[in-house]
Amino acid sequence: MAEIKLYLDEDISPEVAVVLRSRGYNAVSAHEVGMRGKGDEEQLEYAIRNGRVLLTFNTRHFAPIAEEFYLKGKEHCGIVVSKKIGLKEIIKLTANMINKTGSDDLKNLFD
């Protein structure tokens, strides 16, 4: 199973990426890589360029982007959406997902 590399958009605390890395996971935050304040499509394009699965709380904006990608046959590494939850819970759920899923399982998925 190929390792999941995560990209957390700016809606998710950069602390999540720090904690995930401290536990051995490959995660970066929009806050850390100069993407804060960029548009949602730019966030996804960054994730694609860097081979990363996008993690966001922003269903409203990313659902139409994912649909557009699907209709145009454009590929991405995956968009994982969560309802807004606390720091400990998002870290726990994200680590669980990474442990049970490979990056190939998430390719072009909006979930």
PDB file of N, CA and C in Angstrom:
ATOM      1  N   MET A   1       0.850  -1.174   0.000  1.00  0.00           N
ATOM      2  CA  MET A   1       0.000   0.000   0.000  1.00  0.00           C
ATOM      3  C   MET A   1       0.899   1.242   0.000  1.00  0.00           C
ATOM      4  N   ALA A   2       0.694   2.132  -0.972  1.00  0.00           N
ATOM      5  CA  ALA A   2       1.508   3.343  -1.082  1.00  0.00           C
ATOM      6  C   ALA A   2       1.146   4.338   0.017  1.00  0.00           C
ATOM      7  N   GLU A   3       2.170   4.994   0.534  1.00  0.00           N
ATOM      8  CA  GLU A   3       1.994   5.958   1.620  1.00  0.00           C
ATOM      9  C   GLU A   3       1.137   7.146   1.190  1.00  0.00           C
ATOM     10  N   ILE A   4       0.262   7.577   2.070  1.00  0.00           N
ATOM     11  CA  ILE A   4      -0.535   8.776   1.832  1.00  0.00           C
ATOM     12  C   ILE A   4       0.269   9.984   2.282  1.00  0.00           C
ATOM     13  N   LYS A   5       0.381  10.945   1.380  1.00  0.00           N
ATOM     14  CA  LYS A   5       0.979  12.231   1.709  1.00  0.00           C
ATOM     15  C   LYS A   5      -0.170  13.233   1.775  1.00  0.00           C
ATOM     16  N   LEU A   6      -0.315  13.889   2.918  1.00  0.00           N
ATOM     17  CA  LEU A   6      -1.446  14.786   3.138  1.00  0.00           C
ATOM     18  C   LEU A   6      -1.077  16.246   2.963  1.00  0.00           C
ATOM     19  N   TYR A   7      -2.042  16.977   2.456  1.00  0.00           N
ATOM     20  CA  TYR A   7      -1.964  18.437   2.396  1.00  0.00           C
ATOM     21  C   TYR A   7      -3.214  18.971   3.066  1.00  0.00           C
ATOM     22  N   LEU A   8      -3.056  19.703   4.154  1.00  0.00           N
ATOM     23  CA  LEU A   8      -4.175  20.255   4.903  1.00  0.00           C
ATOM     24  C   LEU A   8      -4.423  21.677   4.435  1.00  0.00           C
ATOM     25  N   ASP A   9      -5.632  21.957   3.976  1.00  0.00           N
ATOM     26  CA  ASP A   9      -5.901  23.315   3.530  1.00  0.00           C
ATOM     27  C   ASP A   9      -5.970  24.243   4.746  1.00  0.00           C
ATOM     28  N   GLU A  10      -6.106  25.530   4.490  1.00  0.00           N
ATOM     29  CA  GLU A  10      -5.962  26.495   5.573  1.00  0.00           C
ATOM     30  C   GLU A  10      -7.095  26.479   6.590  1.00  0.00           C
ATOM     31  N   ASP A  11      -8.192  25.789   6.315  1.00  0.00           N
ATOM     32  CA  ASP A  11      -9.286  25.684   7.289  1.00  0.00           C
ATOM     33  C   ASP A  11      -8.910  24.795   8.467  1.00  0.00           C
ATOM     34  N   ILE A  12      -7.925  23.951   8.271  1.00  0.00           N
ATOM     35  CA  ILE A  12      -7.505  23.008   9.316  1.00  0.00           C
ATOM     36  C   ILE A  12      -6.265  23.572  10.002  1.00  0.00           C
ATOM     37  N   SER A  13      -6.268  23.533  11.308  1.00  0.00           N
ATOM     38  CA  SER A  13      -5.154  24.076  12.087  1.00  0.00           C
ATOM     39  C   SER A  13      -3.829  23.471  11.638  1.00  0.00           C
ATOM     40  N   PRO A  14      -2.801  24.303  11.464  1.00  0.00           N
ATOM     41  CA  PRO A  14      -1.484  23.762  11.097  1.00  0.00           C
ATOM     42  C   PRO A  14      -0.918  22.834  12.166  1.00  0.00           C
ATOM     43  N   GLU A  15      -1.446  22.928  13.376  1.00  0.00           N
ATOM     44  CA  GLU A  15      -1.005  22.045  14.452  1.00  0.00           C
ATOM     45  C   GLU A  15      -1.296  20.578  14.130  1.00  0.00           C
ATOM     46  N   VAL A  16      -2.340  20.332  13.337  1.00  0.00           N
ATOM     47  CA  VAL A  16      -2.669  18.960  12.948  1.00  0.00           C
ATOM     48  C   VAL A  16      -1.506  18.355  12.160  1.00  0.00           C
ATOM     49  N   ALA A  17      -0.957  19.103  11.220  1.00  0.00           N
ATOM     50  CA  ALA A  17       0.180  18.603  10.434  1.00  0.00           C
ATOM     51  C   ALA A  17       1.397  18.359  11.326  1.00  0.00           C
ATOM     52  N   VAL A  18       1.635  19.255  12.264  1.00  0.00           N
ATOM     53  CA  VAL A  18       2.778  19.109  13.180  1.00  0.00           C
ATOM     54  C   VAL A  18       2.642  17.827  13.996  1.00  0.00           C
ATOM     55  N   VAL A  19       1.463  17.591  14.547  1.00  0.00           N
ATOM     56  CA  VAL A  19       1.246  16.391  15.366  1.00  0.00           C
ATOM     57  C   VAL A  19       1.352  15.137  14.501  1.00  0.00           C
ATOM     58  N   LEU A  20       0.744  15.161  13.317  1.00  0.00           N
ATOM     59  CA  LEU A  20       0.823  13.984  12.441  1.00  0.00           C
ATOM     60  C   LEU A  20       2.277  13.670  12.079  1.00  0.00           C
ATOM     61  N   ARG A  21       3.065  14.685  11.762  1.00  0.00           N
ATOM     62  CA  ARG A  21       4.486  14.448  11.446  1.00  0.00           C
ATOM     63  C   ARG A  21       5.227  13.875  12.645  1.00  0.00           C
ATOM     64  N   SER A  22       4.890  14.356  13.844  1.00  0.00           N
ATOM     65  CA  SER A  22       5.567  13.847  15.047  1.00  0.00           C
ATOM     66  C   SER A  22       5.276  12.369  15.269  1.00  0.00           C
ATOM     67  N   ARG A  23       4.187  11.899  14.640  1.00  0.00           N
ATOM     68  CA  ARG A  23       3.810  10.482  14.739  1.00  0.00           C
ATOM     69  C   ARG A  23       4.262   9.690  13.515  1.00  0.00           C
ATOM     70  N   GLY A  24       5.046  10.322  12.662  1.00  0.00           N
ATOM     71  CA  GLY A  24       5.634   9.616  11.528  1.00  0.00           C
ATOM     72  C   GLY A  24       4.859   9.698  10.223  1.00  0.00           C
ATOM     73  N   TYR A  25       3.804  10.494  10.181  1.00  0.00           N
ATOM     74  CA  TYR A  25       3.011  10.632   8.954  1.00  0.00           C
ATOM     75  C   TYR A  25       3.537  11.789   8.108  1.00  0.00           C
ATOM     76  N   ASN A  26       3.299  11.701   6.817  1.00  0.00           N
ATOM     77  CA  ASN A  26       3.741  12.718   5.878  1.00  0.00           C
ATOM     78  C   ASN A  26       2.600  13.723   5.693  1.00  0.00           C
ATOM     79  N   ALA A  27       2.704  14.872   6.351  1.00  0.00           N
ATOM     80  CA  ALA A  27       1.630  15.869   6.305  1.00  0.00           C
ATOM     81  C   ALA A  27       2.216  17.278   6.316  1.00  0.00           C
ATOM     82  N   VAL A  28       1.632  18.146   5.496  1.00  0.00           N
ATOM     83  CA  VAL A  28       1.987  19.561   5.503  1.00  0.00           C
ATOM     84  C   VAL A  28       0.700  20.376   5.491  1.00  0.00           C
ATOM     85  N   SER A  29       0.818  21.591   5.971  1.00  0.00           N
ATOM     86  CA  SER A  29      -0.317  22.497   6.045  1.00  0.00           C
ATOM     87  C   SER A  29      -0.134  23.656   5.073  1.00  0.00           C
ATOM     88  N   ALA A  30      -1.243  24.162   4.561  1.00  0.00           N
ATOM     89  CA  ALA A  30      -1.209  25.350   3.702  1.00  0.00           C
ATOM     90  C   ALA A  30      -0.501  26.500   4.409  1.00  0.00           C
ATOM     91  N   HIS A  31      -0.625  26.555   5.712  1.00  0.00           N
ATOM     92  CA  HIS A  31       0.012  27.609   6.504  1.00  0.00           C
ATOM     93  C   HIS A  31       1.534  27.516   6.435  1.00  0.00           C
ATOM     94  N   GLU A  32       2.053  26.318   6.273  1.00  0.00           N
ATOM     95  CA  GLU A  32       3.501  26.090   6.302  1.00  0.00           C
ATOM     96  C   GLU A  32       4.161  26.273   4.944  1.00  0.00           C
ATOM     97  N   VAL A  33       3.403  26.173   3.889  1.00  0.00           N
ATOM     98  CA  VAL A  33       4.009  26.159   2.544  1.00  0.00           C
ATOM     99  C   VAL A  33       3.630  27.380   1.708  1.00  0.00           C
ATOM    100  N   GLY A  34       3.204  28.442   2.361  1.00  0.00           N
ATOM    101  CA  GLY A  34       2.922  29.686   1.669  1.00  0.00           C
ATOM    102  C   GLY A  34       1.643  29.698   0.860  1.00  0.00           C
ATOM    103  N   MET A  35       0.692  28.846   1.186  1.00  0.00           N
ATOM    104  CA  MET A  35      -0.562  28.786   0.423  1.00  0.00           C
ATOM    105  C   MET A  35      -1.738  29.421   1.161  1.00  0.00           C
ATOM    106  N   ARG A  36      -1.479  29.997   2.295  1.00  0.00           N
ATOM    107  CA  ARG A  36      -2.553  30.651   3.060  1.00  0.00           C
ATOM    108  C   ARG A  36      -3.132  31.801   2.244  1.00  0.00           C
ATOM    109  N   GLY A  37      -4.467  31.858   2.169  1.00  0.00           N
ATOM    110  CA  GLY A  37      -5.136  32.930   1.438  1.00  0.00           C
ATOM    111  C   GLY A  37      -5.343  32.647  -0.042  1.00  0.00           C
ATOM    112  N   LYS A  38      -4.843  31.529  -0.526  1.00  0.00           N
ATOM    113  CA  LYS A  38      -5.026  31.161  -1.937  1.00  0.00           C
ATOM    114  C   LYS A  38      -6.411  30.558  -2.128  1.00  0.00           C
ATOM    115  N   GLY A  39      -6.903  30.580  -3.356  1.00  0.00           N
ATOM    116  CA  GLY A  39      -8.218  30.034  -3.668  1.00  0.00           C
ATOM    117  C   GLY A  39      -8.254  28.521  -3.563  1.00  0.00           C
ATOM    118  N   ASP A  40      -9.456  27.991  -3.518  1.00  0.00           N
ATOM    119  CA  ASP A  40      -9.632  26.545  -3.348  1.00  0.00           C
ATOM    120  C   ASP A  40      -9.044  25.753  -4.511  1.00  0.00           C
ATOM    121  N   GLU A  41      -9.233  26.238  -5.742  1.00  0.00           N
ATOM    122  CA  GLU A  41      -8.644  25.526  -6.886  1.00  0.00           C
ATOM    123  C   GLU A  41      -7.123  25.556  -6.818  1.00  0.00           C
ATOM    124  N   GLU A  42      -6.562  26.667  -6.364  1.00  0.00           N
ATOM    125  CA  GLU A  42      -5.106  26.748  -6.190  1.00  0.00           C
ATOM    126  C   GLU A  42      -4.639  25.768  -5.126  1.00  0.00           C
ATOM    127  N   GLN A  43      -5.441  25.602  -4.080  1.00  0.00           N
ATOM    128  CA  GLN A  43      -5.095  24.640  -3.031  1.00  0.00           C
ATOM    129  C   GLN A  43      -5.041  23.224  -3.612  1.00  0.00           C
ATOM    130  N   LEU A  44      -6.045  22.888  -4.412  1.00  0.00           N
ATOM    131  CA  LEU A  44      -6.065  21.555  -5.014  1.00  0.00           C
ATOM    132  C   LEU A  44      -4.922  21.387  -6.006  1.00  0.00           C
ATOM    133  N   GLU A  45      -4.641  22.414  -6.782  1.00  0.00           N
ATOM    134  CA  GLU A  45      -3.530  22.331  -7.737  1.00  0.00           C
ATOM    135  C   GLU A  45      -2.205  22.130  -7.013  1.00  0.00           C
ATOM    136  N   TYR A  46      -2.020  22.781  -5.880  1.00  0.00           N
ATOM    137  CA  TYR A  46      -0.810  22.579  -5.084  1.00  0.00           C
ATOM    138  C   TYR A  46      -0.713  21.111  -4.650  1.00  0.00           C
ATOM    139  N   ALA A  47      -1.829  20.589  -4.155  1.00  0.00           N
ATOM    140  CA  ALA A  47      -1.847  19.185  -3.719  1.00  0.00           C
ATOM    141  C   ALA A  47      -1.483  18.257  -4.875  1.00  0.00           C
ATOM    142  N   ILE A  48      -2.038  18.520  -6.046  1.00  0.00           N
ATOM    143  CA  ILE A  48      -1.765  17.687  -7.221  1.00  0.00           C
ATOM    144  C   ILE A  48      -0.285  17.753  -7.590  1.00  0.00           C
ATOM    145  N   ARG A  49       0.252  18.969  -7.683  1.00  0.00           N
ATOM    146  CA  ARG A  49       1.673  19.143  -8.062  1.00  0.00           C
ATOM    147  C   ARG A  49       2.609  18.410  -7.111  1.00  0.00           C
ATOM    148  N   ASN A  50       2.191  18.292  -5.864  1.00  0.00           N
ATOM    149  CA  ASN A  50       3.052  17.695  -4.853  1.00  0.00           C
ATOM    150  C   ASN A  50       2.651  16.271  -4.468  1.00  0.00           C
ATOM    151  N   GLY A  51       1.733  15.674  -5.236  1.00  0.00           N
ATOM    152  CA  GLY A  51       1.342  14.293  -5.004  1.00  0.00           C
ATOM    153  C   GLY A  51       0.685  14.063  -3.653  1.00  0.00           C
ATOM    154  N   ARG A  52      -0.154  15.009  -3.235  1.00  0.00           N
ATOM    155  CA  ARG A  52      -0.746  14.946  -1.909  1.00  0.00           C
ATOM    156  C   ARG A  52      -2.267  14.862  -1.953  1.00  0.00           C
ATOM    157  N   VAL A  53      -2.814  14.174  -0.987  1.00  0.00           N
ATOM    158  CA  VAL A  53      -4.256  14.103  -0.771  1.00  0.00           C
ATOM    159  C   VAL A  53      -4.644  15.355   0.009  1.00  0.00           C
ATOM    160  N   LEU A  54      -5.670  16.045  -0.455  1.00  0.00           N
ATOM    161  CA  LEU A  54      -6.128  17.259   0.205  1.00  0.00           C
ATOM    162  C   LEU A  54      -7.110  16.909   1.320  1.00  0.00           C
ATOM    163  N   LEU A  55      -6.880  17.451   2.509  1.00  0.00           N
ATOM    164  CA  LEU A  55      -7.783  17.286   3.635  1.00  0.00           C
ATOM    165  C   LEU A  55      -8.376  18.641   3.965  1.00  0.00           C
ATOM    166  N   THR A  56      -9.703  18.718   4.050  1.00  0.00           N
ATOM    167  CA  THR A  56     -10.380  19.990   4.259  1.00  0.00           C
ATOM    168  C   THR A  56     -11.665  19.815   5.050  1.00  0.00           C
ATOM    169  N   PHE A  57     -12.139  20.922   5.612  1.00  0.00           N
ATOM    170  CA  PHE A  57     -13.469  20.977   6.211  1.00  0.00           C
ATOM    171  C   PHE A  57     -14.461  21.589   5.216  1.00  0.00           C
ATOM    172  N   ASN A  58     -13.991  22.038   4.073  1.00  0.00           N
ATOM    173  CA  ASN A  58     -14.743  22.878   3.149  1.00  0.00           C
ATOM    174  C   ASN A  58     -15.495  22.089   2.077  1.00  0.00           C
ATOM    175  N   THR A  59     -16.524  21.401   2.454  1.00  0.00           N
ATOM    176  CA  THR A  59     -17.325  20.623   1.501  1.00  0.00           C
ATOM    177  C   THR A  59     -17.971  21.522   0.459  1.00  0.00           C
ATOM    178  N   ARG A  60     -18.514  22.629   0.908  1.00  0.00           N
ATOM    179  CA  ARG A  60     -19.277  23.515   0.024  1.00  0.00           C
ATOM    180  C   ARG A  60     -18.488  23.964  -1.200  1.00  0.00           C
ATOM    181  N   HIS A  61     -17.226  24.278  -1.030  1.00  0.00           N
ATOM    182  CA  HIS A  61     -16.429  24.749  -2.160  1.00  0.00           C
ATOM    183  C   HIS A  61     -15.762  23.621  -2.934  1.00  0.00           C
ATOM    184  N   PHE A  62     -15.368  22.564  -2.234  1.00  0.00           N
ATOM    185  CA  PHE A  62     -14.626  21.509  -2.923  1.00  0.00           C
ATOM    186  C   PHE A  62     -15.512  20.513  -3.660  1.00  0.00           C
ATOM    187  N   ALA A  63     -16.774  20.375  -3.279  1.00  0.00           N
ATOM    188  CA  ALA A  63     -17.671  19.460  -4.003  1.00  0.00           C
ATOM    189  C   ALA A  63     -17.804  19.861  -5.473  1.00  0.00           C
ATOM    190  N   PRO A  64     -18.076  21.132  -5.804  1.00  0.00           N
ATOM    191  CA  PRO A  64     -18.171  21.490  -7.222  1.00  0.00           C
ATOM    192  C   PRO A  64     -16.835  21.393  -7.961  1.00  0.00           C
ATOM    193  N   ILE A  65     -15.742  21.650  -7.259  1.00  0.00           N
ATOM    194  CA  ILE A  65     -14.424  21.516  -7.891  1.00  0.00           C
ATOM    195  C   ILE A  65     -14.160  20.051  -8.231  1.00  0.00           C
ATOM    196  N   ALA A  66     -14.470  19.163  -7.302  1.00  0.00           N
ATOM    197  CA  ALA A  66     -14.289  17.722  -7.551  1.00  0.00           C
ATOM    198  C   ALA A  66     -15.168  17.268  -8.705  1.00  0.00           C
ATOM    199  N   GLU A  67     -16.400  17.769  -8.766  1.00  0.00           N
ATOM    200  CA  GLU A  67     -17.294  17.405  -9.867  1.00  0.00           C
ATOM    201  C   GLU A  67     -16.749  17.903 -11.202  1.00  0.00           C
ATOM    202  N   GLU A  68     -16.232  19.122 -11.213  1.00  0.00           N
ATOM    203  CA  GLU A  68     -15.637  19.669 -12.440  1.00  0.00           C
ATOM    204  C   GLU A  68     -14.451  18.827 -12.901  1.00  0.00           C
ATOM    205  N   PHE A  69     -13.602  18.438 -11.966  1.00  0.00           N
ATOM    206  CA  PHE A  69     -12.464  17.584 -12.301  1.00  0.00           C
ATOM    207  C   PHE A  69     -12.958  16.274 -12.903  1.00  0.00           C
ATOM    208  N   TYR A  70     -13.975  15.687 -12.301  1.00  0.00           N
ATOM    209  CA  TYR A  70     -14.519  14.424 -12.792  1.00  0.00           C
ATOM    210  C   TYR A  70     -15.049  14.581 -14.218  1.00  0.00           C
ATOM    211  N   LEU A  71     -15.836  15.613 -14.440  1.00  0.00           N
ATOM    212  CA  LEU A  71     -16.447  15.821 -15.764  1.00  0.00           C
ATOM    213  C   LEU A  71     -15.406  16.095 -16.846  1.00  0.00           C
ATOM    214  N   LYS A  72     -14.301  16.734 -16.456  1.00  0.00           N
ATOM    215  CA  LYS A  72     -13.242  17.050 -17.418  1.00  0.00           C
ATOM    216  C   LYS A  72     -12.190  15.948 -17.509  1.00  0.00           C
ATOM    217  N   GLY A  73     -12.334  14.916 -16.701  1.00  0.00           N
ATOM    218  CA  GLY A  73     -11.361  13.824 -16.718  1.00  0.00           C
ATOM    219  C   GLY A  73     -10.015  14.213 -16.126  1.00  0.00           C
ATOM    220  N   LYS A  74      -9.995  15.250 -15.295  1.00  0.00           N
ATOM    221  CA  LYS A  74      -8.757  15.683 -14.647  1.00  0.00           C
ATOM    222  C   LYS A  74      -8.543  14.852 -13.390  1.00  0.00           C
ATOM    223  N   GLU A  75      -7.304  14.488 -13.146  1.00  0.00           N
ATOM    224  CA  GLU A  75      -7.002  13.635 -12.004  1.00  0.00           C
ATOM    225  C   GLU A  75      -6.471  14.432 -10.822  1.00  0.00           C
ATOM    226  N   HIS A  76      -6.693  13.896  -9.633  1.00  0.00           N
ATOM    227  CA  HIS A  76      -6.127  14.442  -8.408  1.00  0.00           C
ATOM    228  C   HIS A  76      -5.829  13.263  -7.482  1.00  0.00           C
ATOM    229  N   CYS A  77      -5.129  13.536  -6.415  1.00  0.00           N
ATOM    230  CA  CYS A  77      -4.713  12.472  -5.488  1.00  0.00           C
ATOM    231  C   CYS A  77      -5.788  12.105  -4.483  1.00  0.00           C
ATOM    232  N   GLY A  78      -6.852  12.867  -4.446  1.00  0.00           N
ATOM    233  CA  GLY A  78      -7.952  12.625  -3.522  1.00  0.00           C
ATOM    234  C   GLY A  78      -8.282  13.870  -2.728  1.00  0.00           C
ATOM    235  N   ILE A  79      -9.563  14.013  -2.410  1.00  0.00           N
ATOM    236  CA  ILE A  79     -10.028  15.107  -1.569  1.00  0.00           C
ATOM    237  C   ILE A  79     -10.823  14.460  -0.439  1.00  0.00           C
ATOM    238  N   VAL A  80     -10.311  14.598   0.766  1.00  0.00           N
ATOM    239  CA  VAL A  80     -10.975  14.038   1.938  1.00  0.00           C
ATOM    240  C   VAL A  80     -11.581  15.205   2.711  1.00  0.00           C
ATOM    241  N   VAL A  81     -12.889  15.115   2.940  1.00  0.00           N
ATOM    242  CA  VAL A  81     -13.619  16.189   3.599  1.00  0.00           C
ATOM    243  C   VAL A  81     -14.136  15.689   4.937  1.00  0.00           C
ATOM    244  N   SER A  82     -14.019  16.524   5.945  1.00  0.00           N
ATOM    245  CA  SER A  82     -14.537  16.213   7.271  1.00  0.00           C
ATOM    246  C   SER A  82     -15.430  17.351   7.724  1.00  0.00           C
ATOM    247  N   LYS A  83     -16.413  17.025   8.540  1.00  0.00           N
ATOM    248  CA  LYS A  83     -17.141  18.095   9.215  1.00  0.00           C
ATOM    249  C   LYS A  83     -16.162  18.747  10.194  1.00  0.00           C
ATOM    250  N   LYS A  84     -16.449  19.960  10.610  1.00  0.00           N
ATOM    251  CA  LYS A  84     -15.561  20.646  11.553  1.00  0.00           C
ATOM    252  C   LYS A  84     -15.618  19.937  12.898  1.00  0.00           C
ATOM    253  N   ILE A  85     -14.463  19.441  13.301  1.00  0.00           N
ATOM    254  CA  ILE A  85     -14.341  18.732  14.580  1.00  0.00           C
ATOM    255  C   ILE A  85     -13.105  19.244  15.301  1.00  0.00           C
ATOM    256  N   GLY A  86     -12.960  18.849  16.523  1.00  0.00           N
ATOM    257  CA  GLY A  86     -11.841  19.301  17.340  1.00  0.00           C
ATOM    258  C   GLY A  86     -10.502  18.731  16.898  1.00  0.00           C
ATOM    259  N   LEU A  87      -9.461  19.359  17.402  1.00  0.00           N
ATOM    260  CA  LEU A  87      -8.089  19.006  17.050  1.00  0.00           C
ATOM    261  C   LEU A  87      -7.775  17.536  17.328  1.00  0.00           C
ATOM    262  N   LYS A  88      -8.070  17.068  18.518  1.00  0.00           N
ATOM    263  CA  LYS A  88      -7.762  15.675  18.872  1.00  0.00           C
ATOM    264  C   LYS A  88      -8.519  14.703  17.981  1.00  0.00           C
ATOM    265  N   GLU A  89      -9.769  15.013  17.698  1.00  0.00           N
ATOM    266  CA  GLU A  89     -10.587  14.111  16.888  1.00  0.00           C
ATOM    267  C   GLU A  89     -10.108  14.057  15.437  1.00  0.00           C
ATOM    268  N   ILE A  90      -9.766  15.211  14.846  1.00  0.00           N
ATOM    269  CA  ILE A  90      -9.308  15.206  13.451  1.00  0.00           C
ATOM    270  C   ILE A  90      -7.975  14.479  13.334  1.00  0.00           C
ATOM    271  N   ILE A  91      -7.123  14.624  14.326  1.00  0.00           N
ATOM    272  CA  ILE A  91      -5.839  13.904  14.305  1.00  0.00           C
ATOM    273  C   ILE A  91      -6.085  12.398  14.388  1.00  0.00           C
ATOM    274  N   LYS A  92      -6.943  11.994  15.309  1.00  0.00           N
ATOM    275  CA  LYS A  92      -7.250  10.565  15.480  1.00  0.00           C
ATOM    276  C   LYS A  92      -7.862   9.971  14.212  1.00  0.00           C
ATOM    277  N   LEU A  93      -8.863  10.636  13.647  1.00  0.00           N
ATOM    278  CA  LEU A  93      -9.530  10.117  12.451  1.00  0.00           C
ATOM    279  C   LEU A  93      -8.596  10.098  11.241  1.00  0.00           C
ATOM    280  N   THR A  94      -7.764  11.121  11.123  1.00  0.00           N
ATOM    281  CA  THR A  94      -6.833  11.187   9.995  1.00  0.00           C
ATOM    282  C   THR A  94      -5.784  10.085  10.093  1.00  0.00           C
ATOM    283  N   ALA A  95      -5.229   9.894  11.275  1.00  0.00           N
ATOM    284  CA  ALA A  95      -4.245   8.818  11.461  1.00  0.00           C
ATOM    285  C   ALA A  95      -4.879   7.466  11.176  1.00  0.00           C
ATOM    286  N   ASN A  96      -6.100   7.261  11.611  1.00  0.00           N
ATOM    287  CA  ASN A  96      -6.813   6.019  11.351  1.00  0.00           C
ATOM    288  C   ASN A  96      -6.995   5.789   9.851  1.00  0.00           C
ATOM    289  N   MET A  97      -7.381   6.847   9.130  1.00  0.00           N
ATOM    290  CA  MET A  97      -7.552   6.739   7.680  1.00  0.00           C
ATOM    291  C   MET A  97      -6.232   6.365   7.005  1.00  0.00           C
ATOM    292  N   ILE A  98      -5.158   7.038   7.406  1.00  0.00           N
ATOM    293  CA  ILE A  98      -3.851   6.764   6.802  1.00  0.00           C
ATOM    294  C   ILE A  98      -3.433   5.324   7.061  1.00  0.00           C
ATOM    295  N   ASN A  99      -3.687   4.829   8.258  1.00  0.00           N
ATOM    296  CA  ASN A  99      -3.288   3.468   8.611  1.00  0.00           C
ATOM    297  C   ASN A  99      -4.071   2.400   7.857  1.00  0.00           C
ATOM    298  N   LYS A 100      -5.276   2.731   7.424  1.00  0.00           N
ATOM    299  CA  LYS A 100      -6.141   1.736   6.783  1.00  0.00           C
ATOM    300  C   LYS A 100      -6.273   1.908   5.275  1.00  0.00           C
ATOM    301  N   THR A 101      -5.680   2.967   4.729  1.00  0.00           N
ATOM    302  CA  THR A 101      -5.899   3.296   3.319  1.00  0.00           C
ATOM    303  C   THR A 101      -4.575   3.590   2.639  1.00  0.00           C
ATOM    304  N   GLY A 102      -4.459   3.197   1.393  1.00  0.00           N
ATOM    305  CA  GLY A 102      -3.297   3.554   0.601  1.00  0.00           C
ATOM    306  C   GLY A 102      -3.622   4.719  -0.315  1.00  0.00           C
ATOM    307  N   SER A 103      -2.616   5.400  -0.798  1.00  0.00           N
ATOM    308  CA  SER A 103      -2.844   6.563  -1.650  1.00  0.00           C
ATOM    309  C   SER A 103      -3.589   6.191  -2.937  1.00  0.00           C
ATOM    310  N   ASP A 104      -3.371   4.985  -3.452  1.00  0.00           N
ATOM    311  CA  ASP A 104      -4.069   4.564  -4.671  1.00  0.00           C
ATOM    312  C   ASP A 104      -5.577   4.451  -4.429  1.00  0.00           C
ATOM    313  N   ASP A 105      -5.968   4.137  -3.206  1.00  0.00           N
ATOM    314  CA  ASP A 105      -7.392   4.021  -2.874  1.00  0.00           C
ATOM    315  C   ASP A 105      -8.103   5.372  -2.907  1.00  0.00           C
ATOM    316  N   LEU A 106      -7.363   6.448  -2.758  1.00  0.00           N
ATOM    317  CA  LEU A 106      -7.954   7.779  -2.685  1.00  0.00           C
ATOM    318  C   LEU A 106      -7.875   8.558  -3.996  1.00  0.00           C
ATOM    319  N   LYS A 107      -7.135   8.042  -4.952  1.00  0.00           N
ATOM    320  CA  LYS A 107      -6.951   8.764  -6.210  1.00  0.00           C
ATOM    321  C   LYS A 107      -8.309   9.103  -6.844  1.00  0.00           C
ATOM    322  N   ASN A 108      -8.501  10.373  -7.142  1.00  0.00           N
ATOM    323  CA  ASN A 108      -9.712  10.919  -7.766  1.00  0.00           C
ATOM    324  C   ASN A 108     -10.970  10.765  -6.917  1.00  0.00           C
ATOM    325  N   LEU A 109     -10.811  10.410  -5.671  1.00  0.00           N
ATOM    326  CA  LEU A 109     -11.943  10.233  -4.777  1.00  0.00           C
ATOM    327  C   LEU A 109     -12.282  11.548  -4.078  1.00  0.00           C
ATOM    328  N   PHE A 110     -13.550  11.806  -3.948  1.00  0.00           N
ATOM    329  CA  PHE A 110     -14.041  12.920  -3.121  1.00  0.00           C
ATOM    330  C   PHE A 110     -14.893  12.285  -2.050  1.00  0.00           C
ATOM    331  N   ASP A 111     -14.373  12.290  -0.847  1.00  0.00           N
ATOM    332  CA  ASP A 111     -15.056  11.581   0.238  1.00  0.00           C
ATOM    333  C   ASP A 111     -14.910  12.330   1.537  1.00  0.00           C
TER     334      ASP A 111
END
